[in-house]
């Protein structure tokens, strides 16, 4: 599991990194606060620990920008402890809130719960843009209609659901399927993509996966 730490206090972020790494987590430490959201979207993150008071901006704005680009759970770790601050963190999309100075065991438990809550393996369905993917039965649903997917079709669509609103290149798809032990070459990938689109169109989901010319595909 990879966790980003966005904290401008050197001592605090160093201690946080040591604490997390001692628990087996990988950490990404942000030290350049001029373009945080763009930097984070290039990382494959499972969770973000985000301070509210930051140079050039604040954690609330960063949270909103990140969630426009991708969905990743965010826990606010801050010295701002009023009810209004906690409410604001929820309103902008934070999954949890903990005040500094924090209890290490409580923080670790909040992280553990956030990661478990946001682990797709604990879900039965993933939903996006009116589409629903049944993770147990490999069924795609749209506007009350359903179609069953093959193993490869499901794995491809599953990856799109996990990376909704992000352009995915053909090379990235092939790398994911290879690393996940679904050994598809480019030709077989395109055959499965075409079959997946055809099945989607049968239930009215004609725009399920869109092609972005010379870049890739997007859900």
Protein backbone atom coordinates (compact mmCIF):
# COMPACT_ATOMS: atom_id res chain seq x y z
CA UNK A 1 0.00 0.00 0.00
CA UNK A 2 1.34 3.44 -0.97
CA UNK A 3 0.47 6.51 1.11
CA UNK A 4 1.29 10.13 0.22
CA UNK A 5 2.17 12.57 2.98
CA UNK A 6 1.38 16.24 2.32
CA UNK A 7 2.75 18.13 5.30
CA UNK A 8 4.95 21.24 5.25
CA UNK A 9 6.49 20.63 8.68
CA UNK A 10 9.69 18.67 8.04
CA UNK A 11 9.77 17.05 11.49
CA UNK A 12 6.14 15.90 11.34
CA UNK A 13 6.33 14.47 7.83
CA UNK A 14 9.60 12.67 8.65
CA UNK A 15 8.03 11.12 11.76
CA UNK A 16 4.92 10.16 9.79
CA UNK A 17 6.99 8.49 7.10
CA UNK A 18 8.97 6.48 9.67
CA UNK A 19 5.77 5.43 11.44
CA UNK A 20 4.09 4.27 8.24
CA UNK A 21 7.15 2.53 6.83
CA UNK A 22 7.57 0.65 10.12
CA UNK A 23 4.04 -0.70 9.51
CA UNK A 24 4.96 -1.90 6.02
CA UNK A 25 3.47 0.98 3.99
CA UNK A 26 5.28 2.70 1.15
CA UNK A 27 5.36 6.48 1.44
CA UNK A 28 5.47 9.35 -1.03
CA UNK A 29 6.59 12.59 0.61
CA UNK A 30 5.53 15.83 -1.07
CA UNK A 31 8.02 18.66 -0.62
CA UNK A 32 7.10 20.89 -3.58
CA UNK A 33 3.78 22.57 -2.77
CA UNK A 34 3.40 24.61 -5.98
CA UNK A 35 1.55 21.97 -8.01
CA UNK A 36 0.57 19.21 -5.61
CA UNK A 37 -2.53 17.81 -7.36
CA UNK A 38 -0.74 17.31 -10.70
CA UNK A 39 2.16 15.56 -8.99
CA UNK A 40 -0.15 13.22 -7.06
CA UNK A 41 -2.17 12.14 -10.10
CA UNK A 42 1.04 10.67 -11.54
CA UNK A 43 1.37 8.40 -8.50
CA UNK A 44 -0.44 5.11 -7.96
CA UNK A 45 -1.67 5.92 -4.44
CA UNK A 46 -3.91 4.07 -2.00
CA UNK A 47 -4.31 6.91 0.51
CA UNK A 48 -3.30 10.54 1.14
CA UNK A 49 -2.55 12.15 4.51
CA UNK A 50 -3.22 15.84 3.97
CA UNK A 51 -2.53 18.88 6.15
CA UNK A 52 -4.87 21.86 5.86
CA UNK A 53 -2.39 24.72 6.25
CA UNK A 54 0.05 24.56 3.34
CA UNK A 55 2.24 27.06 1.45
CA UNK A 56 0.56 28.65 -1.59
CA UNK A 57 -2.76 26.87 -0.99
CA UNK A 58 -4.74 24.84 1.56
CA UNK A 59 -5.65 21.20 1.97
CA UNK A 60 -9.32 21.74 1.15
CA UNK A 61 -8.53 23.10 -2.31
CA UNK A 62 -6.00 20.32 -2.90
CA UNK A 63 -8.59 17.70 -1.93
CA UNK A 64 -11.13 19.09 -4.41
CA UNK A 65 -8.58 19.23 -7.23
CA UNK A 66 -7.40 15.66 -6.62
CA UNK A 67 -10.95 14.27 -6.62
CA UNK A 68 -11.68 15.94 -9.94
CA UNK A 69 -8.85 13.90 -11.45
CA UNK A 70 -9.10 10.60 -9.58
CA UNK A 71 -10.69 8.97 -6.55
CA UNK A 72 -8.31 8.26 -3.69
CA UNK A 73 -9.18 8.34 0.05
CA UNK A 74 -7.89 11.40 1.90
CA UNK A 75 -7.44 11.76 5.66
CA UNK A 76 -6.90 15.30 6.96
CA UNK A 77 -4.17 15.49 9.60
CA UNK A 78 -4.23 19.02 10.95
CA UNK A 79 -3.88 21.33 13.94
CA UNK A 80 -7.16 23.02 12.97
CA UNK A 81 -9.58 21.29 15.32
CA UNK A 82 -12.88 23.17 15.30
CA UNK A 83 -16.16 21.52 14.31
CA UNK A 84 -16.21 23.82 11.28
CA UNK A 85 -12.83 22.49 10.16
CA UNK A 86 -13.94 18.88 10.51
CA UNK A 87 -17.19 19.63 8.65
CA UNK A 88 -15.26 21.34 5.86
CA UNK A 89 -12.98 18.31 5.48
CA UNK A 90 -16.06 16.11 4.96
CA UNK A 91 -17.69 18.54 2.53
CA UNK A 92 -14.67 18.60 0.21
CA UNK A 93 -14.43 14.80 0.15
CA UNK A 94 -12.14 13.81 3.00
CA UNK A 95 -12.77 10.29 4.29
CA UNK A 96 -11.58 11.06 7.85
CA UNK A 97 -10.06 13.73 10.09
CA UNK A 98 -7.53 13.61 12.92
CA UNK A 99 -6.13 16.49 14.96
CA UNK A 100 -2.46 17.15 15.73
CA UNK A 101 -0.82 16.21 17.97
CA UNK A 102 -2.31 12.85 17.07
CA UNK A 103 -2.24 9.52 18.85
CA UNK A 104 -0.15 7.21 16.66
CA UNK A 105 -2.30 4.15 17.30
CA UNK A 106 -5.50 6.03 16.50
CA UNK A 107 -3.98 7.38 13.28
CA UNK A 108 -2.85 3.90 12.22
CA UNK A 109 -6.32 2.51 12.93
CA UNK A 110 -7.95 5.28 10.87
CA UNK A 111 -5.56 4.51 8.02
CA UNK A 112 -6.30 0.79 8.28
CA UNK A 113 -10.06 1.38 8.18
CA UNK A 114 -9.82 3.86 5.31
CA UNK A 115 -7.81 1.42 3.21
CA UNK A 116 -10.20 -1.43 4.00
CA UNK A 117 -13.25 0.70 3.23
CA UNK A 118 -11.81 1.75 -0.11
CA UNK A 119 -10.52 -1.65 -1.16
CA UNK A 120 -12.61 -2.72 -4.18
CA UNK A 121 -12.22 -6.35 -3.12
CA UNK A 122 -14.60 -5.57 -0.26
CA UNK A 123 -17.27 -4.27 -2.63
CA UNK A 124 -19.92 -6.19 -4.52
CA UNK A 125 -20.44 -3.48 -7.12
CA UNK A 126 -18.47 -0.67 -8.70
CA UNK A 127 -20.57 2.10 -10.24
CA UNK A 128 -19.74 4.98 -12.57
CA UNK A 129 -21.75 7.16 -14.97
CA UNK A 130 -24.83 5.01 -14.48
CA UNK A 131 -22.93 1.78 -15.21
CA UNK A 132 -22.62 -0.93 -12.55
CA UNK A 133 -20.11 -3.78 -12.50
CA UNK A 134 -20.92 -6.79 -10.32
CA UNK A 135 -17.57 -7.98 -8.98
CA UNK A 136 -18.85 -11.39 -7.95
CA UNK A 137 -20.94 -12.34 -10.98
CA UNK A 138 -18.99 -10.46 -13.69
CA UNK A 139 -22.14 -8.70 -14.88
CA UNK A 140 -22.36 -5.22 -16.40
CA UNK A 141 -25.64 -3.39 -15.75
CA UNK A 142 -27.06 -0.24 -17.31
CA UNK A 143 -30.56 1.22 -17.04
CA UNK A 144 -32.06 -2.03 -15.79
CA UNK A 145 -30.41 -4.23 -18.42
CA UNK A 146 -27.57 -6.69 -17.83
CA UNK A 147 -24.95 -8.57 -19.77
CA UNK A 148 -22.51 -11.22 -18.55
CA UNK A 149 -18.80 -10.74 -19.25
CA UNK A 150 -16.05 -13.25 -19.89
CA UNK A 151 -13.05 -13.33 -17.56
CA UNK A 152 -10.89 -11.15 -19.84
CA UNK A 153 -13.71 -8.70 -20.59
CA UNK A 154 -14.35 -8.35 -16.88
CA UNK A 155 -10.67 -7.75 -16.04
CA UNK A 156 -10.40 -5.05 -18.69
CA UNK A 157 -13.56 -3.27 -17.57
CA UNK A 158 -12.61 -3.66 -13.90
CA UNK A 159 -9.41 -1.71 -14.56
CA UNK A 160 -11.37 1.05 -16.27
CA UNK A 161 -13.71 1.30 -13.29
CA UNK A 162 -10.75 1.57 -10.91
CA UNK A 163 -9.31 4.37 -13.07
CA UNK A 164 -12.49 6.16 -14.11
CA UNK A 165 -12.07 9.62 -15.68
CA UNK A 166 -8.45 8.89 -16.54
CA UNK A 167 -7.11 8.17 -20.02
CA UNK A 168 -5.60 4.69 -20.12
CA UNK A 169 -3.19 3.81 -22.91
CA UNK A 170 -3.10 0.48 -24.68
CA UNK A 171 0.36 -0.10 -23.25
CA UNK A 172 -0.87 0.49 -19.69
CA UNK A 173 -3.71 -2.00 -20.17
CA UNK A 174 -1.35 -4.64 -21.48
CA UNK A 175 1.07 -4.07 -18.61
CA UNK A 176 -1.76 -4.36 -16.07
CA UNK A 177 -3.08 -7.57 -17.60
CA UNK A 178 0.40 -9.04 -17.82
CA UNK A 179 1.26 -8.22 -14.21
CA UNK A 180 -2.11 -9.60 -13.14
CA UNK A 181 -1.24 -12.88 -14.91
CA UNK A 182 -3.76 -12.36 -17.72
CA UNK A 183 -1.30 -12.73 -20.57
CA UNK A 184 -2.93 -10.87 -23.47
CA UNK A 185 -1.03 -9.58 -26.47
CA UNK A 186 -2.20 -6.49 -28.36
CA UNK A 187 -4.32 -8.41 -30.86
CA UNK A 188 -6.18 -10.40 -28.20
CA UNK A 189 -6.65 -7.22 -26.16
CA UNK A 190 -8.34 -5.45 -29.08
CA UNK A 191 -10.55 -8.46 -29.77
CA UNK A 192 -11.70 -8.41 -26.15
CA UNK A 193 -12.18 -4.62 -26.22
CA UNK A 194 -14.38 -4.92 -29.32
CA UNK A 195 -16.42 -7.73 -27.77
CA UNK A 196 -16.80 -5.72 -24.58
CA UNK A 197 -18.07 -2.70 -26.51
CA UNK A 198 -20.47 -4.85 -28.50
CA UNK A 199 -21.91 -6.39 -25.33
CA UNK A 200 -22.22 -2.95 -23.78
CA UNK A 201 -24.11 -1.66 -26.81
CA UNK A 202 -26.59 -4.55 -26.47
CA UNK A 203 -27.77 -3.01 -23.17
CA UNK A 204 -27.64 0.57 -24.44
CA UNK A 205 -24.23 1.47 -23.03
CA UNK A 206 -22.87 2.69 -26.36
CA UNK A 207 -20.42 5.15 -24.82
CA UNK A 208 -19.07 2.86 -22.12
CA UNK A 209 -15.43 3.11 -23.20
CA UNK A 210 -14.47 6.08 -25.37
CA UNK A 211 -11.41 6.25 -27.60
CA UNK A 212 -9.19 9.31 -27.20
CA UNK A 213 -7.28 9.64 -30.46
CA UNK A 214 -3.56 8.87 -30.17
CA UNK A 215 -3.83 8.68 -26.37
CA UNK A 216 -5.91 5.72 -25.29
CA UNK A 217 -9.31 5.04 -23.75
CA UNK A 218 -11.49 6.43 -20.99
CA UNK A 219 -14.57 5.21 -19.12
